[in-house]
């Protein structure tokens, strides 16, 4: 029998997207205008789980916050956009690099 790992995690919403985060995670979110090294609090917490105890918000969990630290401001990998119409001699190639903020989760509190 495999034991379940009692890991605390939360689902937060920022930049129009939802992320499953745990303490210590480092990930990219849509760009937020905050300097490197500063703290950021995510108020929109949709779900908090601590082992077998799970709290689901409707839509947000009351008094739940996720504290994170801004690691850096970066650009994501380049995406190539290629438009093409057959037999019309129409080709257009462009690229895009989204600006992102790299954050590290410090604390999940309810």
PDB file of N, CA and C in Angstrom:
ATOM      1  N   UNK A   1       0.834  -1.184   0.000  1.00  0.00           N
ATOM      2  CA  UNK A   1       0.000   0.000   0.000  1.00  0.00           C
ATOM      3  C   UNK A   1       0.879   1.248   0.000  1.00  0.00           C
ATOM      4  N   UNK A   2       0.542   2.206  -0.846  1.00  0.00           N
ATOM      5  CA  UNK A   2       1.311   3.442  -0.960  1.00  0.00           C
ATOM      6  C   UNK A   2       0.669   4.495  -0.074  1.00  0.00           C
ATOM      7  N   UNK A   3       1.494   5.156   0.741  1.00  0.00           N
ATOM      8  CA  UNK A   3       0.979   6.201   1.621  1.00  0.00           C
ATOM      9  C   UNK A   3       0.775   7.475   0.823  1.00  0.00           C
ATOM     10  N   UNK A   4      -0.297   8.208   1.165  1.00  0.00           N
ATOM     11  CA  UNK A   4      -0.535   9.502   0.564  1.00  0.00           C
ATOM     12  C   UNK A   4       0.404  10.513   1.191  1.00  0.00           C
ATOM     13  N   UNK A   5       0.882  11.415   0.380  1.00  0.00           N
ATOM     14  CA  UNK A   5       1.724  12.479   0.893  1.00  0.00           C
ATOM     15  C   UNK A   5       0.816  13.611   1.345  1.00  0.00           C
ATOM     16  N   UNK A   6       0.881  13.988   2.606  1.00  0.00           N
ATOM     17  CA  UNK A   6       0.040  15.062   3.136  1.00  0.00           C
ATOM     18  C   UNK A   6       0.671  16.400   2.809  1.00  0.00           C
ATOM     19  N   UNK A   7       0.460  16.851   1.593  1.00  0.00           N
ATOM     20  CA  UNK A   7       1.043  18.086   1.128  1.00  0.00           C
ATOM     21  C   UNK A   7      -0.020  19.171   1.085  1.00  0.00           C
ATOM     22  N   UNK A   8       0.331  20.320   1.585  1.00  0.00           N
ATOM     23  CA  UNK A   8      -0.588  21.456   1.582  1.00  0.00           C
ATOM     24  C   UNK A   8      -0.468  22.169   0.237  1.00  0.00           C
ATOM     25  N   UNK A   9      -1.608  22.400  -0.414  1.00  0.00           N
ATOM     26  CA  UNK A   9      -1.599  23.136  -1.665  1.00  0.00           C
ATOM     27  C   UNK A   9      -2.839  24.001  -1.770  1.00  0.00           C
ATOM     28  N   UNK A  10      -2.821  24.925  -2.736  1.00  0.00           N
ATOM     29  CA  UNK A  10      -3.941  25.826  -2.964  1.00  0.00           C
ATOM     30  C   UNK A  10      -4.092  26.038  -4.466  1.00  0.00           C
ATOM     31  N   UNK A  11      -5.288  26.457  -4.860  1.00  0.00           N
ATOM     32  CA  UNK A  11      -5.538  26.851  -6.244  1.00  0.00           C
ATOM     33  C   UNK A  11      -5.839  28.340  -6.214  1.00  0.00           C
ATOM     34  N   UNK A  12      -4.996  29.128  -6.908  1.00  0.00           N
ATOM     35  CA  UNK A  12      -5.176  30.578  -6.927  1.00  0.00           C
ATOM     36  C   UNK A  12      -5.530  31.024  -8.339  1.00  0.00           C
ATOM     37  N   UNK A  13      -6.107  32.220  -8.420  1.00  0.00           N
ATOM     38  CA  UNK A  13      -6.469  32.791  -9.708  1.00  0.00           C
ATOM     39  C   UNK A  13      -5.764  34.129  -9.841  1.00  0.00           C
ATOM     40  N   UNK A  14      -5.003  34.277 -10.925  1.00  0.00           N
ATOM     41  CA  UNK A  14      -4.336  35.548 -11.218  1.00  0.00           C
ATOM     42  C   UNK A  14      -4.103  35.650 -12.718  1.00  0.00           C
ATOM     43  N   UNK A  15      -4.271  36.836 -13.252  1.00  0.00           N
ATOM     44  CA  UNK A  15      -4.035  37.041 -14.677  1.00  0.00           C
ATOM     45  C   UNK A  15      -4.987  36.283 -15.565  1.00  0.00           C
ATOM     46  N   UNK A  16      -6.194  35.968 -15.061  1.00  0.00           N
ATOM     47  CA  UNK A  16      -7.171  35.240 -15.853  1.00  0.00           C
ATOM     48  C   UNK A  16      -6.911  33.746 -15.931  1.00  0.00           C
ATOM     49  N   UNK A  17      -5.943  33.257 -15.165  1.00  0.00           N
ATOM     50  CA  UNK A  17      -5.616  31.830 -15.175  1.00  0.00           C
ATOM     51  C   UNK A  17      -5.637  31.297 -13.752  1.00  0.00           C
ATOM     52  N   UNK A  18      -5.731  29.975 -13.630  1.00  0.00           N
ATOM     53  CA  UNK A  18      -5.714  29.327 -12.323  1.00  0.00           C
ATOM     54  C   UNK A  18      -4.456  28.478 -12.207  1.00  0.00           C
ATOM     55  N   UNK A  19      -3.857  28.500 -11.018  1.00  0.00           N
ATOM     56  CA  UNK A  19      -2.615  27.773 -10.773  1.00  0.00           C
ATOM     57  C   UNK A  19      -2.745  26.948  -9.503  1.00  0.00           C
ATOM     58  N   UNK A  20      -2.259  25.710  -9.536  1.00  0.00           N
ATOM     59  CA  UNK A  20      -2.168  24.869  -8.340  1.00  0.00           C
ATOM     60  C   UNK A  20      -0.774  25.090  -7.774  1.00  0.00           C
ATOM     61  N   UNK A  21      -0.712  25.601  -6.523  1.00  0.00           N
ATOM     62  CA  UNK A  21       0.567  25.972  -5.936  1.00  0.00           C
ATOM     63  C   UNK A  21       0.766  25.311  -4.578  1.00  0.00           C
ATOM     64  N   UNK A  22       2.019  25.059  -4.241  1.00  0.00           N
ATOM     65  CA  UNK A  22       2.425  24.560  -2.934  1.00  0.00           C
ATOM     66  C   UNK A  22       3.513  25.479  -2.409  1.00  0.00           C
ATOM     67  N   UNK A  23       3.784  25.399  -1.116  1.00  0.00           N
ATOM     68  CA  UNK A  23       4.833  26.232  -0.536  1.00  0.00           C
ATOM     69  C   UNK A  23       6.177  25.828  -1.128  1.00  0.00           C
ATOM     70  N   UNK A  24       6.945  26.823  -1.564  1.00  0.00           N
ATOM     71  CA  UNK A  24       8.251  26.584  -2.167  1.00  0.00           C
ATOM     72  C   UNK A  24       8.237  26.519  -3.681  1.00  0.00           C
ATOM     73  N   UNK A  25       7.067  26.442  -4.299  1.00  0.00           N
ATOM     74  CA  UNK A  25       6.978  26.380  -5.762  1.00  0.00           C
ATOM     75  C   UNK A  25       7.449  27.694  -6.394  1.00  0.00           C
ATOM     76  N   UNK A  26       8.105  27.594  -7.541  1.00  0.00           N
ATOM     77  CA  UNK A  26       8.491  28.756  -8.340  1.00  0.00           C
ATOM     78  C   UNK A  26       7.832  28.580  -9.700  1.00  0.00           C
ATOM     79  N   UNK A  27       7.073  29.595 -10.136  1.00  0.00           N
ATOM     80  CA  UNK A  27       6.383  29.495 -11.423  1.00  0.00           C
ATOM     81  C   UNK A  27       6.170  30.876 -12.018  1.00  0.00           C
ATOM     82  N   UNK A  28       5.760  30.918 -13.288  1.00  0.00           N
ATOM     83  CA  UNK A  28       5.549  32.164 -14.018  1.00  0.00           C
ATOM     84  C   UNK A  28       4.074  32.511 -14.043  1.00  0.00           C
ATOM     85  N   UNK A  29       3.780  33.809 -13.832  1.00  0.00           N
ATOM     86  CA  UNK A  29       2.418  34.321 -13.967  1.00  0.00           C
ATOM     87  C   UNK A  29       2.455  35.476 -14.955  1.00  0.00           C
ATOM     88  N   UNK A  30       1.283  35.942 -15.383  1.00  0.00           N
ATOM     89  CA  UNK A  30       1.220  37.109 -16.245  1.00  0.00           C
ATOM     90  C   UNK A  30       1.890  38.284 -15.537  1.00  0.00           C
ATOM     91  N   UNK A  31       2.487  39.175 -16.292  1.00  0.00           N
ATOM     92  CA  UNK A  31       3.288  40.260 -15.716  1.00  0.00           C
ATOM     93  C   UNK A  31       2.509  41.097 -14.712  1.00  0.00           C
ATOM     94  N   UNK A  32       3.134  41.304 -13.552  1.00  0.00           N
ATOM     95  CA  UNK A  32       2.608  42.153 -12.491  1.00  0.00           C
ATOM     96  C   UNK A  32       3.656  43.229 -12.240  1.00  0.00           C
ATOM     97  N   UNK A  33       3.233  44.483 -12.150  1.00  0.00           N
ATOM     98  CA  UNK A  33       4.176  45.595 -11.967  1.00  0.00           C
ATOM     99  C   UNK A  33       4.641  45.684 -10.523  1.00  0.00           C
ATOM    100  N   UNK A  34       5.548  44.797 -10.116  1.00  0.00           N
ATOM    101  CA  UNK A  34       6.127  44.791  -8.774  1.00  0.00           C
ATOM    102  C   UNK A  34       7.624  44.544  -8.924  1.00  0.00           C
ATOM    103  N   UNK A  35       8.422  45.234  -8.115  1.00  0.00           N
ATOM    104  CA  UNK A  35       9.872  45.102  -8.188  1.00  0.00           C
ATOM    105  C   UNK A  35      10.332  43.731  -7.689  1.00  0.00           C
ATOM    106  N   UNK A  36      11.518  43.334  -8.127  1.00  0.00           N
ATOM    107  CA  UNK A  36      12.112  42.069  -7.690  1.00  0.00           C
ATOM    108  C   UNK A  36      12.364  42.096  -6.187  1.00  0.00           C
ATOM    109  N   UNK A  37      12.099  40.970  -5.530  1.00  0.00           N
ATOM    110  CA  UNK A  37      12.336  40.858  -4.091  1.00  0.00           C
ATOM    111  C   UNK A  37      11.169  41.291  -3.220  1.00  0.00           C
ATOM    112  N   UNK A  38      10.162  41.942  -3.796  1.00  0.00           N
ATOM    113  CA  UNK A  38       9.000  42.394  -3.027  1.00  0.00           C
ATOM    114  C   UNK A  38       8.019  41.236  -2.841  1.00  0.00           C
ATOM    115  N   UNK A  39       7.148  41.376  -1.823  1.00  0.00           N
ATOM    116  CA  UNK A  39       6.125  40.367  -1.558  1.00  0.00           C
ATOM    117  C   UNK A  39       4.840  40.706  -2.300  1.00  0.00           C
ATOM    118  N   UNK A  40       4.097  39.661  -2.645  1.00  0.00           N
ATOM    119  CA  UNK A  40       2.798  39.820  -3.300  1.00  0.00           C
ATOM    120  C   UNK A  40       1.828  38.856  -2.625  1.00  0.00           C
ATOM    121  N   UNK A  41       0.597  39.315  -2.373  1.00  0.00           N
ATOM    122  CA  UNK A  41      -0.432  38.478  -1.762  1.00  0.00           C
ATOM    123  C   UNK A  41      -1.514  38.186  -2.785  1.00  0.00           C
ATOM    124  N   UNK A  42      -1.866  36.919  -2.910  1.00  0.00           N
ATOM    125  CA  UNK A  42      -2.956  36.507  -3.792  1.00  0.00           C
ATOM    126  C   UNK A  42      -4.201  36.320  -2.936  1.00  0.00           C
ATOM    127  N   UNK A  43      -5.210  37.159  -3.162  1.00  0.00           N
ATOM    128  CA  UNK A  43      -6.441  37.128  -2.377  1.00  0.00           C
ATOM    129  C   UNK A  43      -7.460  36.146  -2.968  1.00  0.00           C
ATOM    130  N   UNK A  44      -7.398  35.933  -4.276  1.00  0.00           N
ATOM    131  CA  UNK A  44      -8.359  35.042  -4.935  1.00  0.00           C
ATOM    132  C   UNK A  44      -7.883  33.593  -4.809  1.00  0.00           C
ATOM    133  N   UNK A  45      -8.215  32.971  -3.690  1.00  0.00           N
ATOM    134  CA  UNK A  45      -7.857  31.579  -3.430  1.00  0.00           C
ATOM    135  C   UNK A  45      -9.124  30.750  -3.614  1.00  0.00           C
ATOM    136  N   UNK A  46      -9.127  29.854  -4.590  1.00  0.00           N
ATOM    137  CA  UNK A  46     -10.324  29.089  -4.935  1.00  0.00           C
ATOM    138  C   UNK A  46     -10.450  27.800  -4.140  1.00  0.00           C
ATOM    139  N   UNK A  47      -9.308  27.231  -3.708  1.00  0.00           N
ATOM    140  CA  UNK A  47      -9.322  25.959  -3.001  1.00  0.00           C
ATOM    141  C   UNK A  47      -8.070  25.868  -2.137  1.00  0.00           C
ATOM    142  N   UNK A  48      -8.235  25.317  -0.926  1.00  0.00           N
ATOM    143  CA  UNK A  48      -7.098  25.047  -0.047  1.00  0.00           C
ATOM    144  C   UNK A  48      -7.232  23.615   0.442  1.00  0.00           C
ATOM    145  N   UNK A  49      -6.146  22.832   0.304  1.00  0.00           N
ATOM    146  CA  UNK A  49      -6.149  21.438   0.756  1.00  0.00           C
ATOM    147  C   UNK A  49      -4.939  21.212   1.647  1.00  0.00           C
ATOM    148  N   UNK A  50      -5.181  20.576   2.802  1.00  0.00           N
ATOM    149  CA  UNK A  50      -4.111  20.237   3.726  1.00  0.00           C
ATOM    150  C   UNK A  50      -4.338  18.794   4.157  1.00  0.00           C
ATOM    151  N   UNK A  51      -3.699  17.870   3.446  1.00  0.00           N
ATOM    152  CA  UNK A  51      -3.916  16.452   3.722  1.00  0.00           C
ATOM    153  C   UNK A  51      -5.320  16.045   3.295  1.00  0.00           C
ATOM    154  N   UNK A  52      -6.122  15.549   4.252  1.00  0.00           N
ATOM    155  CA  UNK A  52      -7.496  15.134   3.951  1.00  0.00           C
ATOM    156  C   UNK A  52      -8.489  16.281   4.078  1.00  0.00           C
ATOM    157  N   UNK A  53      -8.064  17.388   4.657  1.00  0.00           N
ATOM    158  CA  UNK A  53      -8.951  18.545   4.859  1.00  0.00           C
ATOM    159  C   UNK A  53      -8.919  19.438   3.620  1.00  0.00           C
ATOM    160  N   UNK A  54     -10.083  19.608   2.982  1.00  0.00           N
ATOM    161  CA  UNK A  54     -10.176  20.402   1.755  1.00  0.00           C
ATOM    162  C   UNK A  54     -11.250  21.460   1.932  1.00  0.00           C
ATOM    163  N   UNK A  55     -10.908  22.705   1.611  1.00  0.00           N
ATOM    164  CA  UNK A  55     -11.875  23.805   1.633  1.00  0.00           C
ATOM    165  C   UNK A  55     -12.026  24.342   0.224  1.00  0.00           C
ATOM    166  N   UNK A  56     -13.260  24.349  -0.256  1.00  0.00           N
ATOM    167  CA  UNK A  56     -13.553  24.857  -1.589  1.00  0.00           C
ATOM    168  C   UNK A  56     -14.349  26.134  -1.431  1.00  0.00           C
ATOM    169  N   UNK A  57     -13.931  27.188  -2.106  1.00  0.00           N
ATOM    170  CA  UNK A  57     -14.606  28.477  -2.019  1.00  0.00           C
ATOM    171  C   UNK A  57     -15.744  28.578  -3.000  1.00  0.00           C
ATOM    172  N   UNK A  58     -16.616  29.551  -2.723  1.00  0.00           N
ATOM    173  CA  UNK A  58     -17.752  29.796  -3.621  1.00  0.00           C
ATOM    174  C   UNK A  58     -17.899  31.281  -3.877  1.00  0.00           C
ATOM    175  N   UNK A  59     -17.140  31.957  -4.690  1.00  0.00           N
ATOM    176  CA  UNK A  59     -16.055  31.419  -5.512  1.00  0.00           C
ATOM    177  C   UNK A  59     -14.704  31.388  -4.791  1.00  0.00           C
ATOM    178  N   UNK A  60     -14.509  32.194  -3.723  1.00  0.00           N
ATOM    179  CA  UNK A  60     -13.216  32.231  -3.037  1.00  0.00           C
ATOM    180  C   UNK A  60     -13.338  31.679  -1.623  1.00  0.00           C
ATOM    181  N   UNK A  61     -12.250  31.145  -1.092  1.00  0.00           N
ATOM    182  CA  UNK A  61     -12.210  30.676   0.288  1.00  0.00           C
ATOM    183  C   UNK A  61     -12.065  31.894   1.186  1.00  0.00           C
ATOM    184  N   UNK A  62     -12.921  31.997   2.213  1.00  0.00           N
ATOM    185  CA  UNK A  62     -12.885  33.154   3.112  1.00  0.00           C
ATOM    186  C   UNK A  62     -11.593  33.176   3.907  1.00  0.00           C
ATOM    187  N   UNK A  63     -11.011  34.365   4.045  1.00  0.00           N
ATOM    188  CA  UNK A  63      -9.809  34.620   4.846  1.00  0.00           C
ATOM    189  C   UNK A  63      -8.604  33.786   4.422  1.00  0.00           C
ATOM    190  N   UNK A  64      -8.575  33.311   3.204  1.00  0.00           N
ATOM    191  CA  UNK A  64      -7.430  32.538   2.718  1.00  0.00           C
ATOM    192  C   UNK A  64      -6.532  33.461   1.898  1.00  0.00           C
ATOM    193  N   UNK A  65      -5.231  33.356   2.138  1.00  0.00           N
ATOM    194  CA  UNK A  65      -4.262  34.163   1.407  1.00  0.00           C
ATOM    195  C   UNK A  65      -3.065  33.298   1.055  1.00  0.00           C
ATOM    196  N   UNK A  66      -2.457  33.618  -0.066  1.00  0.00           N
ATOM    197  CA  UNK A  66      -1.226  32.968  -0.473  1.00  0.00           C
ATOM    198  C   UNK A  66      -0.186  34.079  -0.627  1.00  0.00           C
ATOM    199  N   UNK A  67       0.897  33.963   0.161  1.00  0.00           N
ATOM    200  CA  UNK A  67       1.956  34.962   0.140  1.00  0.00           C
ATOM    201  C   UNK A  67       3.085  34.446  -0.739  1.00  0.00           C
ATOM    202  N   UNK A  68       3.565  35.322  -1.634  1.00  0.00           N
ATOM    203  CA  UNK A  68       4.635  34.938  -2.550  1.00  0.00           C
ATOM    204  C   UNK A  68       5.653  36.063  -2.638  1.00  0.00           C
ATOM    205  N   UNK A  69       6.827  35.710  -3.146  1.00  0.00           N
ATOM    206  CA  UNK A  69       7.897  36.675  -3.324  1.00  0.00           C
ATOM    207  C   UNK A  69       8.242  36.738  -4.805  1.00  0.00           C
ATOM    208  N   UNK A  70       8.404  37.957  -5.343  1.00  0.00           N
ATOM    209  CA  UNK A  70       8.749  38.134  -6.744  1.00  0.00           C
ATOM    210  C   UNK A  70      10.228  37.819  -6.918  1.00  0.00           C
ATOM    211  N   UNK A  71      10.529  36.851  -7.787  1.00  0.00           N
ATOM    212  CA  UNK A  71      11.908  36.456  -8.039  1.00  0.00           C
ATOM    213  C   UNK A  71      12.502  37.320  -9.145  1.00  0.00           C
ATOM    214  N   UNK A  72      11.770  37.457 -10.271  1.00  0.00           N
ATOM    215  CA  UNK A  72      12.285  38.260 -11.386  1.00  0.00           C
ATOM    216  C   UNK A  72      11.183  38.580 -12.386  1.00  0.00           C
ATOM    217  N   UNK A  73      11.468  39.571 -13.239  1.00  0.00           N
ATOM    218  CA  UNK A  73      10.609  39.916 -14.367  1.00  0.00           C
ATOM    219  C   UNK A  73      11.322  39.392 -15.611  1.00  0.00           C
ATOM    220  N   UNK A  74      10.633  38.587 -16.429  1.00  0.00           N
ATOM    221  CA  UNK A  74      11.275  37.953 -17.580  1.00  0.00           C
ATOM    222  C   UNK A  74      10.348  37.977 -18.780  1.00  0.00           C
ATOM    223  N   UNK A  75      10.834  37.402 -19.879  1.00  0.00           N
ATOM    224  CA  UNK A  75      10.012  37.159 -21.050  1.00  0.00           C
ATOM    225  C   UNK A  75       9.915  35.658 -21.257  1.00  0.00           C
ATOM    226  N   UNK A  76       8.755  35.194 -21.662  1.00  0.00           N
ATOM    227  CA  UNK A  76       8.540  33.765 -21.908  1.00  0.00           C
ATOM    228  C   UNK A  76       9.180  33.374 -23.240  1.00  0.00           C
ATOM    229  N   UNK A  77       9.139  32.099 -23.564  1.00  0.00           N
ATOM    230  CA  UNK A  77       9.667  31.613 -24.833  1.00  0.00           C
ATOM    231  C   UNK A  77       8.882  32.221 -25.993  1.00  0.00           C
ATOM    232  N   UNK A  78       9.550  32.349 -27.123  1.00  0.00           N
ATOM    233  CA  UNK A  78       8.925  32.950 -28.301  1.00  0.00           C
ATOM    234  C   UNK A  78       7.906  32.001 -28.924  1.00  0.00           C
ATOM    235  N   UNK A  79       6.772  32.566 -29.311  1.00  0.00           N
ATOM    236  CA  UNK A  79       5.732  31.830 -30.025  1.00  0.00           C
ATOM    237  C   UNK A  79       5.722  32.345 -31.460  1.00  0.00           C
ATOM    238  N   UNK A  80       5.770  31.436 -32.419  1.00  0.00           N
ATOM    239  CA  UNK A  80       5.751  31.808 -33.836  1.00  0.00           C
ATOM    240  C   UNK A  80       4.309  31.765 -34.331  1.00  0.00           C
ATOM    241  N   UNK A  81       3.874  32.857 -34.974  1.00  0.00           N
ATOM    242  CA  UNK A  81       2.537  32.950 -35.555  1.00  0.00           C
ATOM    243  C   UNK A  81       2.719  33.000 -37.067  1.00  0.00           C
ATOM    244  N   UNK A  82       2.165  32.007 -37.776  1.00  0.00           N
ATOM    245  CA  UNK A  82       2.320  31.938 -39.225  1.00  0.00           C
ATOM    246  C   UNK A  82       0.946  31.888 -39.878  1.00  0.00           C
ATOM    247  N   UNK A  83       0.653  32.906 -40.680  1.00  0.00           N
ATOM    248  CA  UNK A  83      -0.623  32.955 -41.409  1.00  0.00           C
ATOM    249  C   UNK A  83      -0.341  32.645 -42.873  1.00  0.00           C
ATOM    250  N   UNK A  84      -1.276  31.881 -43.499  1.00  0.00           N
ATOM    251  CA  UNK A  84      -1.032  31.383 -44.838  1.00  0.00           C
ATOM    252  C   UNK A  84      -2.360  31.168 -45.555  1.00  0.00           C
ATOM    253  N   UNK A  85      -2.433  31.607 -46.809  1.00  0.00           N
ATOM    254  CA  UNK A  85      -3.594  31.323 -47.665  1.00  0.00           C
ATOM    255  C   UNK A  85      -3.091  30.590 -48.897  1.00  0.00           C
ATOM    256  N   UNK A  86      -3.633  29.416 -49.118  1.00  0.00           N
ATOM    257  CA  UNK A  86      -3.157  28.633 -50.254  1.00  0.00           C
ATOM    258  C   UNK A  86      -3.552  29.302 -51.577  1.00  0.00           C
ATOM    259  N   UNK A  87      -2.667  29.200 -52.556  1.00  0.00           N
ATOM    260  CA  UNK A  87      -2.854  29.715 -53.924  1.00  0.00           C
ATOM    261  C   UNK A  87      -3.079  31.220 -53.998  1.00  0.00           C
ATOM    262  N   UNK A  88      -2.840  31.971 -52.949  1.00  0.00           N
ATOM    263  CA  UNK A  88      -3.053  33.423 -52.972  1.00  0.00           C
ATOM    264  C   UNK A  88      -1.763  34.196 -52.741  1.00  0.00           C
ATOM    265  N   UNK A  89      -0.634  33.490 -52.612  1.00  0.00           N
ATOM    266  CA  UNK A  89       0.666  34.110 -52.360  1.00  0.00           C
ATOM    267  C   UNK A  89       0.627  35.014 -51.120  1.00  0.00           C
ATOM    268  N   UNK A  90      -0.045  34.539 -50.082  1.00  0.00           N
ATOM    269  CA  UNK A  90      -0.127  35.298 -48.830  1.00  0.00           C
ATOM    270  C   UNK A  90       0.523  34.494 -47.712  1.00  0.00           C
ATOM    271  N   UNK A  91       1.607  35.041 -47.174  1.00  0.00           N
ATOM    272  CA  UNK A  91       2.295  34.423 -46.033  1.00  0.00           C
ATOM    273  C   UNK A  91       2.729  35.534 -45.091  1.00  0.00           C
ATOM    274  N   UNK A  92       2.462  35.343 -43.813  1.00  0.00           N
ATOM    275  CA  UNK A  92       2.884  36.329 -42.827  1.00  0.00           C
ATOM    276  C   UNK A  92       3.409  35.589 -41.613  1.00  0.00           C
ATOM    277  N   UNK A  93       4.652  35.877 -41.233  1.00  0.00           N
ATOM    278  CA  UNK A  93       5.277  35.214 -40.092  1.00  0.00           C
ATOM    279  C   UNK A  93       5.660  36.275 -39.063  1.00  0.00           C
ATOM    280  N   UNK A  94       5.143  36.118 -37.851  1.00  0.00           N
ATOM    281  CA  UNK A  94       5.495  37.025 -36.764  1.00  0.00           C
ATOM    282  C   UNK A  94       5.785  36.201 -35.516  1.00  0.00           C
ATOM    283  N   UNK A  95       6.380  36.847 -34.542  1.00  0.00           N
ATOM    284  CA  UNK A  95       6.680  36.180 -33.280  1.00  0.00           C
ATOM    285  C   UNK A  95       6.197  37.025 -32.117  1.00  0.00           C
ATOM    286  N   UNK A  96       6.053  36.388 -30.961  1.00  0.00           N
ATOM    287  CA  UNK A  96       5.603  37.105 -29.766  1.00  0.00           C
ATOM    288  C   UNK A  96       6.267  36.496 -28.535  1.00  0.00           C
ATOM    289  N   UNK A  97       6.742  37.360 -27.630  1.00  0.00           N
ATOM    290  CA  UNK A  97       7.291  36.921 -26.343  1.00  0.00           C
ATOM    291  C   UNK A  97       6.514  37.619 -25.250  1.00  0.00           C
ATOM    292  N   UNK A  98       5.745  36.856 -24.480  1.00  0.00           N
ATOM    293  CA  UNK A  98       4.916  37.392 -23.404  1.00  0.00           C
ATOM    294  C   UNK A  98       5.790  37.768 -22.206  1.00  0.00           C
ATOM    295  N   UNK A  99       5.499  38.914 -21.598  1.00  0.00           N
ATOM    296  CA  UNK A  99       6.203  39.314 -20.382  1.00  0.00           C
ATOM    297  C   UNK A  99       5.582  38.580 -19.195  1.00  0.00           C
ATOM    298  N   UNK A 100       6.428  37.984 -18.357  1.00  0.00           N
ATOM    299  CA  UNK A 100       5.959  37.207 -17.215  1.00  0.00           C
ATOM    300  C   UNK A 100       6.714  37.624 -15.961  1.00  0.00           C
ATOM    301  N   UNK A 101       6.119  37.313 -14.817  1.00  0.00           N
ATOM    302  CA  UNK A 101       6.739  37.538 -13.524  1.00  0.00           C
ATOM    303  C   UNK A 101       6.958  36.176 -12.879  1.00  0.00           C
ATOM    304  N   UNK A 102       8.189  35.898 -12.474  1.00  0.00           N
ATOM    305  CA  UNK A 102       8.517  34.633 -11.808  1.00  0.00           C
ATOM    306  C   UNK A 102       8.353  34.848 -10.313  1.00  0.00           C
ATOM    307  N   UNK A 103       7.486  34.044  -9.670  1.00  0.00           N
ATOM    308  CA  UNK A 103       7.219  34.177  -8.238  1.00  0.00           C
ATOM    309  C   UNK A 103       7.504  32.865  -7.519  1.00  0.00           C
ATOM    310  N   UNK A 104       7.820  32.981  -6.213  1.00  0.00           N
ATOM    311  CA  UNK A 104       8.034  31.818  -5.355  1.00  0.00           C
ATOM    312  C   UNK A 104       7.043  31.892  -4.209  1.00  0.00           C
ATOM    313  N   UNK A 105       6.284  30.794  -4.009  1.00  0.00           N
ATOM    314  CA  UNK A 105       5.278  30.745  -2.959  1.00  0.00           C
ATOM    315  C   UNK A 105       5.965  30.556  -1.614  1.00  0.00           C
ATOM    316  N   UNK A 106       5.635  31.440  -0.659  1.00  0.00           N
ATOM    317  CA  UNK A 106       6.245  31.363   0.668  1.00  0.00           C
ATOM    318  C   UNK A 106       5.308  30.746   1.703  1.00  0.00           C
ATOM    319  N   UNK A 107       4.012  31.163   1.690  1.00  0.00           N
ATOM    320  CA  UNK A 107       3.116  30.687   2.734  1.00  0.00           C
ATOM    321  C   UNK A 107       1.685  30.637   2.226  1.00  0.00           C
ATOM    322  N   UNK A 108       0.993  29.559   2.610  1.00  0.00           N
ATOM    323  CA  UNK A 108      -0.444  29.410   2.342  1.00  0.00           C
ATOM    324  C   UNK A 108      -1.149  29.465   3.686  1.00  0.00           C
ATOM    325  N   UNK A 109      -2.027  30.449   3.877  1.00  0.00           N
ATOM    326  CA  UNK A 109      -2.704  30.584   5.172  1.00  0.00           C
ATOM    327  C   UNK A 109      -4.210  30.682   4.975  1.00  0.00           C
ATOM    328  N   UNK A 110      -4.932  30.126   5.947  1.00  0.00           N
ATOM    329  CA  UNK A 110      -6.394  30.154   5.929  1.00  0.00           C
ATOM    330  C   UNK A 110      -6.869  30.924   7.141  1.00  0.00           C
TER     331      UNK A 110
END
